[in-house]
Amino acid sequence: MKTTKQGVITKKLDQRTAVVETFRMKSHPIYKKRFKVVKKFLADDKDDKFKAGDIVYIQECRPISKTKRFEIVSKVGSTVVGEDKIAGEEILGAEKPVVEEKVEEEKKAANE
């Protein structure tokens, strides 16, 4: 069975290679504190259609080079922040930014 992981492309090394950073939450066996474990994988980007900041799925494949053992399967979202976009809102289900006009109206209503 091929392993599938989700991660963020941190940088592109060349046209066909991307560094994908994945993380998982791990719990300490005695103290039960949770902490983040980050791991980087080199992944193959055959068609050069992904860029840094994309959230992607990678899948285990045959060894492509000495260190490259994964290939990028699909794009899930993007962490690039735009004017009306929150980082990773497709993945995290984050709410849209609050419009300033609504906040001002609520302040005026509270003052009355």
Protein backbone atom coordinates (compact mmCIF):
# COMPACT_ATOMS: atom_id res chain seq x y z
CA MET A 1 0.00 0.00 0.00
CA LYS A 2 1.34 3.43 -0.97
CA THR A 3 1.61 6.06 1.74
CA THR A 4 -0.18 9.36 1.11
CA LYS A 5 0.66 12.54 3.04
CA GLN A 6 -0.52 16.14 3.00
CA GLY A 7 1.92 19.03 3.19
CA VAL A 8 2.98 22.47 2.03
CA ILE A 9 5.52 23.12 -0.71
CA THR A 10 8.21 25.22 0.97
CA LYS A 11 10.41 25.69 -2.10
CA LYS A 12 11.10 24.44 -5.60
CA LEU A 13 14.62 23.14 -6.13
CA ASP A 14 14.35 22.86 -9.91
CA GLN A 15 11.62 22.27 -12.51
CA ARG A 16 10.74 18.75 -11.35
CA THR A 17 11.61 18.74 -7.65
CA ALA A 18 9.75 20.34 -4.74
CA VAL A 19 10.41 20.29 -1.00
CA VAL A 20 7.18 19.36 0.79
CA GLU A 21 6.94 19.94 4.53
CA THR A 22 4.51 17.76 6.48
CA PHE A 23 3.67 17.77 10.15
CA ARG A 24 1.84 15.58 12.61
CA MET A 25 0.91 15.97 16.24
CA LYS A 26 2.59 13.53 18.59
CA SER A 27 1.95 12.95 22.28
CA HIS A 28 4.66 12.42 24.90
CA PRO A 29 4.29 8.90 26.35
CA ILE A 30 4.61 9.95 30.01
CA TYR A 31 3.65 13.64 30.25
CA LYS A 32 0.93 13.52 27.54
CA LYS A 33 1.90 16.92 26.17
CA ARG A 34 1.25 17.22 22.44
CA PHE A 35 3.90 18.63 20.13
CA LYS A 36 4.37 19.11 16.43
CA VAL A 37 6.78 16.87 14.48
CA VAL A 38 7.85 18.41 11.15
CA LYS A 39 9.40 16.37 8.35
CA LYS A 40 10.52 17.42 4.87
CA PHE A 41 10.24 15.23 1.78
CA LEU A 42 11.54 15.71 -1.74
CA ALA A 43 8.70 15.15 -4.21
CA ASP A 44 8.56 14.87 -7.99
CA ASP A 45 6.53 17.47 -9.90
CA LYS A 46 6.34 15.99 -13.39
CA ASP A 47 4.48 18.78 -15.18
CA ASP A 48 5.90 21.71 -13.19
CA LYS A 49 2.40 22.95 -12.32
CA PHE A 50 2.83 23.50 -8.56
CA LYS A 51 4.54 26.45 -6.86
CA ALA A 52 5.81 27.32 -3.40
CA GLY A 53 2.99 27.84 -0.91
CA ASP A 54 0.62 25.25 -2.39
CA ILE A 55 -0.96 22.67 -0.10
CA VAL A 56 -0.62 19.29 -1.84
CA TYR A 57 -1.03 15.55 -1.44
CA ILE A 58 2.11 13.47 -2.03
CA GLN A 59 2.20 9.72 -2.63
CA GLU A 60 4.97 7.20 -2.19
CA CYS A 61 6.42 5.86 -5.43
CA ARG A 62 9.49 4.08 -6.77
CA PRO A 63 12.85 5.75 -6.06
CA ILE A 64 13.31 8.54 -8.59
CA SER A 65 16.70 9.65 -7.28
CA LYS A 66 18.88 9.15 -4.22
CA THR A 67 16.55 11.13 -1.94
CA LYS A 68 13.32 11.53 -3.96
CA ARG A 69 10.72 8.87 -3.09
CA PHE A 70 7.42 10.77 -3.41
CA GLU A 71 5.40 12.31 -6.23
CA ILE A 72 2.86 15.13 -6.02
CA VAL A 73 -0.65 13.80 -6.67
CA SER A 74 -2.94 16.83 -6.41
CA LYS A 75 -3.31 20.36 -5.12
CA VAL A 76 -5.64 20.93 -2.17
CA GLY A 77 -5.29 24.68 -1.58
CA SER A 78 -2.86 27.53 -1.16
CA THR A 79 -1.27 29.31 1.79
CA VAL A 80 -0.58 32.47 -0.20
CA VAL A 81 -2.46 35.33 1.43
CA GLY A 82 -4.29 37.73 -0.86
CA GLU A 83 -6.50 40.73 -0.14
CA ASP A 84 -9.64 38.68 0.51
CA LYS A 85 -8.05 35.33 1.31
CA ILE A 86 -6.90 33.82 4.59
CA ALA A 87 -3.93 31.43 4.67
CA GLY A 88 -5.16 27.87 4.18
CA GLU A 89 -8.86 28.72 4.36
CA GLU A 90 -9.78 25.86 2.01
CA ILE A 91 -8.20 23.36 4.37
CA LEU A 92 -8.82 24.84 7.77
CA GLY A 93 -12.39 26.00 7.14
CA ALA A 94 -11.47 29.47 8.36
CA GLU A 95 -14.06 32.19 8.28
CA LYS A 96 -13.89 34.99 5.76
CA PRO A 97 -12.40 38.28 6.98
CA VAL A 98 -14.83 40.56 8.79
CA VAL A 99 -15.70 43.62 6.75
CA GLU A 100 -14.83 46.82 8.62
CA GLU A 101 -18.20 48.42 7.80
CA LYS A 102 -20.07 45.78 9.82
CA VAL A 103 -17.78 46.36 12.80
CA GLU A 104 -18.36 50.13 12.66
CA GLU A 105 -22.14 49.63 12.46
CA GLU A 106 -22.05 47.37 15.52
CA LYS A 107 -20.06 50.01 17.47
CA LYS A 108 -22.59 52.71 16.57
CA ALA A 109 -25.48 50.46 17.62
CA ALA A 110 -23.78 49.72 20.95
CA ASN A 111 -23.20 53.44 21.66
CA GLU A 112 -26.88 54.29 21.13
